[in-house]
C-alpha cells in the first residue's frame, strides 16, 4: 500500500510512542501488556489506512467538475462568495470523515490565479460557519470554460493541519492532487449559477473520479 508523503512525521511520532509504551508495559505488565498493545496497534493500523494513496485512473476534463475529495455531499445551495467571486454562486460542500482518503484534488482544469491561507477556528467541519470562520485555504482557478471556480480546504474539529502545494500560474488538472488535510475535514467548491449540478445531498464521492457538476462552455 502506497502512503502519502504527509504521513512521515505522524508515523514516526506514532511508532516511537507505541514502542515506548509497549516496552514499559511489557516490562511491568508482561502478558497483561496486550490490553494496552492491541489498541495501540489498531490505532497505528488506522493511521496507515488514513494516509493511503489509492490508484485511480484520472481522465482529462473540460466542462466537468470533478469531486475534489472522497466524502459525503452535505450542502448544495446558492450563497454569496465574498472573497474572490464577490457574487452569488452555487456552493457544493463535501465532508470527509477520518476514514476517508484525504488527498485534495483540483475540481476543474485551468490555471490557478488565486491562493490564500486563513487562520481561524476549529468548528466541526459540517457546521455551515466553518466555511468562513475555520482555519482554511482558498484557491481559485480560471477554468478551460473561462469560468472562475473557487474551492476551499477547511479544517475541522480534529483536523489541525492543511497543506496545499499549488501556486498562482500553476496549471490545474481536474482530479489531480493539489493538497492534503489531516484527520477529518471538509472541502467547498463554488460554481457559477448556471452550472448543471449532477450530485445531491447525501451522495458519496470518490475524489478524482466522480463528476459532481458540468459547466457551460
C-alpha atoms as a PDB file:
ATOM      1  CA  UNK A   1       0.000   0.000   0.000  1.00  0.00           C
ATOM      2  CA  UNK A   2       1.418   3.356  -1.036  1.00  0.00           C
ATOM      3  CA  UNK A   3       1.456   6.034   1.682  1.00  0.00           C
ATOM      4  CA  UNK A   4       1.169   9.784   1.227  1.00  0.00           C
ATOM      5  CA  UNK A   5       4.274  11.892   1.836  1.00  0.00           C
ATOM      6  CA  UNK A   6       2.443  13.775   4.602  1.00  0.00           C
ATOM      7  CA  UNK A   7       2.390  10.554   6.652  1.00  0.00           C
ATOM      8  CA  UNK A   8       6.100  10.632   7.515  1.00  0.00           C
ATOM      9  CA  UNK A   9       6.053  12.865  10.600  1.00  0.00           C
ATOM     10  CA  UNK A  10       2.855  11.394  12.025  1.00  0.00           C
ATOM     11  CA  UNK A  11       4.056   7.803  11.603  1.00  0.00           C
ATOM     12  CA  UNK A  12       7.443   8.488  13.186  1.00  0.00           C
ATOM     13  CA  UNK A  13       5.797  10.001  16.266  1.00  0.00           C
ATOM     14  CA  UNK A  14       3.192   7.201  16.454  1.00  0.00           C
ATOM     15  CA  UNK A  15       5.749   4.398  16.113  1.00  0.00           C
ATOM     16  CA  UNK A  16       8.092   5.899  18.714  1.00  0.00           C
ATOM     17  CA  UNK A  17       5.196   6.425  21.119  1.00  0.00           C
ATOM     18  CA  UNK A  18       3.922   2.861  20.685  1.00  0.00           C
ATOM     19  CA  UNK A  19       7.448   1.431  21.044  1.00  0.00           C
ATOM     20  CA  UNK A  20       7.976   3.406  24.266  1.00  0.00           C
ATOM     21  CA  UNK A  21       4.620   2.470  25.799  1.00  0.00           C
ATOM     22  CA  UNK A  22       4.980  -1.112  24.595  1.00  0.00           C
ATOM     23  CA  UNK A  23       8.417  -1.538  26.163  1.00  0.00           C
ATOM     24  CA  UNK A  24       7.249  -0.196  29.525  1.00  0.00           C
ATOM     25  CA  UNK A  25       4.025  -2.232  29.525  1.00  0.00           C
ATOM     26  CA  UNK A  26       5.814  -5.489  28.636  1.00  0.00           C
ATOM     27  CA  UNK A  27       8.412  -4.896  31.345  1.00  0.00           C
ATOM     28  CA  UNK A  28       5.891  -4.152  34.090  1.00  0.00           C
ATOM     29  CA  UNK A  29       2.727  -5.960  32.963  1.00  0.00           C
ATOM     30  CA  UNK A  30       4.082  -8.905  30.961  1.00  0.00           C
ATOM     31  CA  UNK A  31       1.085 -10.755  29.421  1.00  0.00           C
ATOM     32  CA  UNK A  32      -1.320  -8.050  30.607  1.00  0.00           C
ATOM     33  CA  UNK A  33       0.551  -5.661  28.337  1.00  0.00           C
ATOM     34  CA  UNK A  34      -1.598  -6.980  25.465  1.00  0.00           C
ATOM     35  CA  UNK A  35      -4.502  -4.986  26.896  1.00  0.00           C
ATOM     36  CA  UNK A  36      -2.503  -1.857  26.074  1.00  0.00           C
ATOM     37  CA  UNK A  37      -0.605  -3.023  22.986  1.00  0.00           C
ATOM     38  CA  UNK A  38      -3.544  -4.284  20.944  1.00  0.00           C
ATOM     39  CA  UNK A  39      -5.459  -0.932  20.958  1.00  0.00           C
ATOM     40  CA  UNK A  40      -2.208   0.909  20.147  1.00  0.00           C
ATOM     41  CA  UNK A  41      -1.514  -1.369  17.189  1.00  0.00           C
ATOM     42  CA  UNK A  42      -5.081  -0.898  15.971  1.00  0.00           C
ATOM     43  CA  UNK A  43      -4.527   2.869  16.173  1.00  0.00           C
ATOM     44  CA  UNK A  44      -1.311   2.504  14.163  1.00  0.00           C
ATOM     45  CA  UNK A  45      -3.190   0.487  11.551  1.00  0.00           C
ATOM     46  CA  UNK A  46      -5.797   3.256  11.275  1.00  0.00           C
ATOM     47  CA  UNK A  47      -3.058   5.829  10.743  1.00  0.00           C
ATOM     48  CA  UNK A  48      -1.633   3.737   7.894  1.00  0.00           C
ATOM     49  CA  UNK A  49      -5.166   3.463   6.455  1.00  0.00           C
ATOM     50  CA  UNK A  50      -5.740   7.208   6.732  1.00  0.00           C
ATOM     51  CA  UNK A  51      -2.617   8.067   4.734  1.00  0.00           C
ATOM     52  CA  UNK A  52      -3.216   5.535   1.946  1.00  0.00           C
ATOM     53  CA  UNK A  53      -2.918   6.676  -1.652  1.00  0.00           C
ATOM     54  CA  UNK A  54      -5.340   4.744  -3.880  1.00  0.00           C
ATOM     55  CA  UNK A  55      -4.531   4.129  -7.529  1.00  0.00           C
ATOM     56  CA  UNK A  56      -7.049   5.978  -9.701  1.00  0.00           C
ATOM     57  CA  UNK A  57      -7.264   6.463 -13.452  1.00  0.00           C
ATOM     58  CA  UNK A  58      -7.732  10.226 -13.823  1.00  0.00           C
ATOM     59  CA  UNK A  59      -9.251  11.351 -17.134  1.00  0.00           C
ATOM     60  CA  UNK A  60      -8.977  14.703 -18.909  1.00  0.00           C
ATOM     61  CA  UNK A  61     -11.928  17.055 -18.358  1.00  0.00           C
ATOM     62  CA  UNK A  62     -13.002  20.373 -19.847  1.00  0.00           C
ATOM     63  CA  UNK A  63     -16.597  21.077 -18.823  1.00  0.00           C
ATOM     64  CA  UNK A  64     -16.880  18.545 -15.985  1.00  0.00           C
ATOM     65  CA  UNK A  65     -16.412  19.464 -12.337  1.00  0.00           C
ATOM     66  CA  UNK A  66     -14.764  16.545 -10.535  1.00  0.00           C
ATOM     67  CA  UNK A  67     -15.227  15.607  -6.878  1.00  0.00           C
ATOM     68  CA  UNK A  68     -12.149  17.105  -5.195  1.00  0.00           C
ATOM     69  CA  UNK A  69     -12.173  14.656  -2.265  1.00  0.00           C
ATOM     70  CA  UNK A  70     -13.594  11.374  -1.011  1.00  0.00           C
ATOM     71  CA  UNK A  71     -16.528  12.006   1.281  1.00  0.00           C
ATOM     72  CA  UNK A  72     -20.204  12.852   1.527  1.00  0.00           C
ATOM     73  CA  UNK A  73     -22.048  15.771  -0.064  1.00  0.00           C
ATOM     74  CA  UNK A  74     -23.525  17.732   2.855  1.00  0.00           C
ATOM     75  CA  UNK A  75     -24.541  21.015   1.215  1.00  0.00           C
ATOM     76  CA  UNK A  76     -25.712  22.306  -2.166  1.00  0.00           C
ATOM     77  CA  UNK A  77     -27.033  25.851  -2.026  1.00  0.00           C
ATOM     78  CA  UNK A  78     -26.836  29.331  -3.508  1.00  0.00           C
ATOM     79  CA  UNK A  79     -24.515  31.580  -1.497  1.00  0.00           C
ATOM     80  CA  UNK A  80     -22.653  34.873  -1.816  1.00  0.00           C
ATOM     81  CA  UNK A  81     -18.915  34.211  -2.109  1.00  0.00           C
ATOM     82  CA  UNK A  82     -17.228  37.374  -0.847  1.00  0.00           C
ATOM     83  CA  UNK A  83     -13.508  36.592  -1.046  1.00  0.00           C
ATOM     84  CA  UNK A  84     -12.843  36.055  -4.746  1.00  0.00           C
ATOM     85  CA  UNK A  85     -16.031  35.953  -6.811  1.00  0.00           C
ATOM     86  CA  UNK A  86     -17.915  38.619  -4.856  1.00  0.00           C
ATOM     87  CA  UNK A  87     -21.116  37.296  -6.390  1.00  0.00           C
ATOM     88  CA  UNK A  88     -23.828  34.716  -5.875  1.00  0.00           C
ATOM     89  CA  UNK A  89     -22.843  31.183  -6.840  1.00  0.00           C
ATOM     90  CA  UNK A  90     -23.578  27.526  -6.094  1.00  0.00           C
ATOM     91  CA  UNK A  91     -21.704  26.025  -3.165  1.00  0.00           C
ATOM     92  CA  UNK A  92     -21.124  22.262  -3.004  1.00  0.00           C
ATOM     93  CA  UNK A  93     -19.657  21.042   0.291  1.00  0.00           C
ATOM     94  CA  UNK A  94     -18.164  17.590   0.823  1.00  0.00           C
ATOM     95  CA  UNK A  95     -17.430  16.314   4.340  1.00  0.00           C
ATOM     96  CA  UNK A  96     -14.569  13.879   4.936  1.00  0.00           C
ATOM     97  CA  UNK A  97     -14.545  11.517   7.894  1.00  0.00           C
ATOM     98  CA  UNK A  98     -11.212  10.368   9.386  1.00  0.00           C
ATOM     99  CA  UNK A  99     -11.610   7.106   7.430  1.00  0.00           C
ATOM    100  CA  UNK A 100     -11.772   8.787   4.019  1.00  0.00           C
ATOM    101  CA  UNK A 101      -8.811   9.380   1.724  1.00  0.00           C
ATOM    102  CA  UNK A 102      -7.761  12.970   2.480  1.00  0.00           C
ATOM    103  CA  UNK A 103      -5.970  13.868  -0.733  1.00  0.00           C
ATOM    104  CA  UNK A 104      -7.364  17.145  -2.113  1.00  0.00           C
ATOM    105  CA  UNK A 105      -7.720  17.385  -5.894  1.00  0.00           C
ATOM    106  CA  UNK A 106      -8.451  20.140  -8.391  1.00  0.00           C
ATOM    107  CA  UNK A 107     -12.172  20.104  -9.258  1.00  0.00           C
ATOM    108  CA  UNK A 108     -11.569  21.716 -12.672  1.00  0.00           C
ATOM    109  CA  UNK A 109      -8.810  22.152 -15.236  1.00  0.00           C
ATOM    110  CA  UNK A 110      -7.346  25.565 -15.991  1.00  0.00           C
ATOM    111  CA  UNK A 111      -4.869  27.967 -14.389  1.00  0.00           C
ATOM    112  CA  UNK A 112      -4.508  28.841 -10.705  1.00  0.00           C
ATOM    113  CA  UNK A 113      -4.938  32.595 -10.300  1.00  0.00           C
ATOM    114  CA  UNK A 114      -5.513  32.972  -6.550  1.00  0.00           C
ATOM    115  CA  UNK A 115      -4.409  31.266  -3.326  1.00  0.00           C
ATOM    116  CA  UNK A 116      -4.573  32.328   0.308  1.00  0.00           C
ATOM    117  CA  UNK A 117      -4.274  30.731   3.738  1.00  0.00           C
ATOM    118  CA  UNK A 118      -6.630  31.892   6.516  1.00  0.00           C
ATOM    119  CA  UNK A 119      -6.033  31.111  10.199  1.00  0.00           C
ATOM    120  CA  UNK A 120      -9.244  30.555  12.140  1.00  0.00           C
ATOM    121  CA  UNK A 121     -11.363  28.478  14.488  1.00  0.00           C
ATOM    122  CA  UNK A 122     -11.880  24.709  14.603  1.00  0.00           C
ATOM    123  CA  UNK A 123     -15.645  24.312  14.497  1.00  0.00           C
ATOM    124  CA  UNK A 124     -16.912  20.875  13.455  1.00  0.00           C
ATOM    125  CA  UNK A 125     -16.398  20.674   9.698  1.00  0.00           C
ATOM    126  CA  UNK A 126     -20.087  20.170   8.823  1.00  0.00           C
ATOM    127  CA  UNK A 127     -21.034  23.430  10.577  1.00  0.00           C
ATOM    128  CA  UNK A 128     -22.126  25.979   7.945  1.00  0.00           C
ATOM    129  CA  UNK A 129     -19.997  28.757   9.504  1.00  0.00           C
ATOM    130  CA  UNK A 130     -16.838  26.630   9.208  1.00  0.00           C
ATOM    131  CA  UNK A 131     -16.573  27.803   5.577  1.00  0.00           C
ATOM    132  CA  UNK A 132     -15.819  31.361   6.688  1.00  0.00           C
ATOM    133  CA  UNK A 133     -14.642  31.045  10.315  1.00  0.00           C
ATOM    134  CA  UNK A 134     -12.420  27.945  10.464  1.00  0.00           C
ATOM    135  CA  UNK A 135      -8.779  27.644   9.503  1.00  0.00           C
ATOM    136  CA  UNK A 136      -8.894  27.250   5.728  1.00  0.00           C
ATOM    137  CA  UNK A 137      -7.282  27.847   2.368  1.00  0.00           C
ATOM    138  CA  UNK A 138      -8.891  29.431  -0.660  1.00  0.00           C
ATOM    139  CA  UNK A 139      -7.787  28.610  -4.203  1.00  0.00           C
ATOM    140  CA  UNK A 140      -9.263  29.905  -7.465  1.00  0.00           C
ATOM    141  CA  UNK A 141      -8.819  28.509 -10.974  1.00  0.00           C
ATOM    142  CA  UNK A 142      -9.726  30.116 -14.287  1.00  0.00           C
ATOM    143  CA  UNK A 143     -11.252  27.076 -15.938  1.00  0.00           C
ATOM    144  CA  UNK A 144     -10.936  25.911 -19.547  1.00  0.00           C
ATOM    145  CA  UNK A 145     -14.551  27.023 -19.970  1.00  0.00           C
ATOM    146  CA  UNK A 146     -13.494  30.555 -18.975  1.00  0.00           C
ATOM    147  CA  UNK A 147     -15.199  30.449 -15.562  1.00  0.00           C
ATOM    148  CA  UNK A 148     -13.737  31.426 -12.215  1.00  0.00           C
ATOM    149  CA  UNK A 149     -14.037  28.437  -9.860  1.00  0.00           C
ATOM    150  CA  UNK A 150     -13.208  28.805  -6.166  1.00  0.00           C
ATOM    151  CA  UNK A 151     -12.588  25.969  -3.723  1.00  0.00           C
ATOM    152  CA  UNK A 152     -11.629  25.785  -0.053  1.00  0.00           C
ATOM    153  CA  UNK A 153      -9.945  23.275   2.209  1.00  0.00           C
ATOM    154  CA  UNK A 154     -11.498  23.657   5.664  1.00  0.00           C
ATOM    155  CA  UNK A 155     -10.029  22.348   8.898  1.00  0.00           C
ATOM    156  CA  UNK A 156     -12.430  20.589  11.250  1.00  0.00           C
ATOM    157  CA  UNK A 157     -12.545  19.963  14.992  1.00  0.00           C
ATOM    158  CA  UNK A 158      -9.916  17.216  14.686  1.00  0.00           C
ATOM    159  CA  UNK A 159      -8.074  18.324  11.538  1.00  0.00           C
ATOM    160  CA  UNK A 160      -5.386  20.814  12.510  1.00  0.00           C
ATOM    161  CA  UNK A 161      -3.082  20.716   9.500  1.00  0.00           C
ATOM    162  CA  UNK A 162      -3.928  21.852   5.980  1.00  0.00           C
ATOM    163  CA  UNK A 163      -1.360  21.535   3.215  1.00  0.00           C
ATOM    164  CA  UNK A 164      -1.658  22.941  -0.290  1.00  0.00           C
ATOM    165  CA  UNK A 165       1.086  22.735  -2.881  1.00  0.00           C
ATOM    166  CA  UNK A 166      -0.267  24.900  -5.699  1.00  0.00           C
ATOM    167  CA  UNK A 167       0.952  28.356  -6.674  1.00  0.00           C
ATOM    168  CA  UNK A 168      -0.503  31.156  -8.792  1.00  0.00           C
ATOM    169  CA  UNK A 169       0.001  30.473 -12.530  1.00  0.00           C
ATOM    170  CA  UNK A 170       0.235  26.711 -11.973  1.00  0.00           C
ATOM    171  CA  UNK A 171      -1.646  24.545 -14.449  1.00  0.00           C
ATOM    172  CA  UNK A 172      -4.600  22.865 -12.735  1.00  0.00           C
ATOM    173  CA  UNK A 173      -5.706  19.450 -13.959  1.00  0.00           C
ATOM    174  CA  UNK A 174      -9.087  18.218 -12.761  1.00  0.00           C
ATOM    175  CA  UNK A 175      -8.715  15.212 -10.491  1.00  0.00           C
ATOM    176  CA  UNK A 176      -5.013  15.726  -9.800  1.00  0.00           C
ATOM    177  CA  UNK A 177      -3.675  16.457  -6.314  1.00  0.00           C
ATOM    178  CA  UNK A 178      -3.077  19.982  -5.058  1.00  0.00           C
ATOM    179  CA  UNK A 179      -3.105  19.440  -1.286  1.00  0.00           C
ATOM    180  CA  UNK A 180      -3.893  17.328   1.768  1.00  0.00           C
ATOM    181  CA  UNK A 181      -5.814  17.696   5.054  1.00  0.00           C
ATOM    182  CA  UNK A 182      -5.085  15.597   8.127  1.00  0.00           C
ATOM    183  CA  UNK A 183      -7.832  13.833  10.092  1.00  0.00           C
ATOM    184  CA  UNK A 184     -11.392  14.813   9.223  1.00  0.00           C
ATOM    185  CA  UNK A 185     -12.367  17.982   7.397  1.00  0.00           C
ATOM    186  CA  UNK A 186     -14.400  19.498   4.577  1.00  0.00           C
ATOM    187  CA  UNK A 187     -13.985  20.964   1.117  1.00  0.00           C
ATOM    188  CA  UNK A 188     -16.216  23.562  -0.529  1.00  0.00           C
ATOM    189  CA  UNK A 189     -16.489  24.250  -4.269  1.00  0.00           C
ATOM    190  CA  UNK A 190     -18.090  27.476  -5.561  1.00  0.00           C
ATOM    191  CA  UNK A 191     -19.502  27.331  -9.090  1.00  0.00           C
ATOM    192  CA  UNK A 192     -21.365  29.691 -11.468  1.00  0.00           C
ATOM    193  CA  UNK A 193     -25.137  29.846 -11.005  1.00  0.00           C
ATOM    194  CA  UNK A 194     -25.812  28.315 -14.431  1.00  0.00           C
ATOM    195  CA  UNK A 195     -23.732  25.213 -13.643  1.00  0.00           C
ATOM    196  CA  UNK A 196     -25.549  21.888 -14.101  1.00  0.00           C
ATOM    197  CA  UNK A 197     -25.390  20.138 -10.717  1.00  0.00           C
ATOM    198  CA  UNK A 198     -25.051  16.362 -11.067  1.00  0.00           C
ATOM    199  CA  UNK A 199     -24.859  15.367  -7.400  1.00  0.00           C
ATOM    200  CA  UNK A 200     -27.287  15.578  -4.492  1.00  0.00           C
ATOM    201  CA  UNK A 201     -27.030  15.859  -0.724  1.00  0.00           C
ATOM    202  CA  UNK A 202     -26.068  12.517   0.782  1.00  0.00           C
ATOM    203  CA  UNK A 203     -24.098  11.289  -2.241  1.00  0.00           C
ATOM    204  CA  UNK A 204     -20.774   9.567  -1.513  1.00  0.00           C
ATOM    205  CA  UNK A 205     -17.962  10.852  -3.725  1.00  0.00           C
ATOM    206  CA  UNK A 206     -14.670   9.467  -4.959  1.00  0.00           C
ATOM    207  CA  UNK A 207     -12.115  12.222  -5.431  1.00  0.00           C
ATOM    208  CA  UNK A 208     -10.745  12.489  -8.949  1.00  0.00           C
ATOM    209  CA  UNK A 209     -13.360  10.134 -10.394  1.00  0.00           C
ATOM    210  CA  UNK A 210     -16.937  11.290  -9.797  1.00  0.00           C
ATOM    211  CA  UNK A 211     -18.426  14.124 -11.863  1.00  0.00           C
ATOM    212  CA  UNK A 212     -20.394  16.382  -9.499  1.00  0.00           C
ATOM    213  CA  UNK A 213     -21.321  19.171 -11.941  1.00  0.00           C
ATOM    214  CA  UNK A 214     -20.913  20.388 -15.505  1.00  0.00           C
ATOM    215  CA  UNK A 215     -20.235  23.960 -16.590  1.00  0.00           C
ATOM    216  CA  UNK A 216     -21.397  25.508 -19.828  1.00  0.00           C
ATOM    217  CA  UNK A 217     -18.634  26.128 -22.346  1.00  0.00           C
END
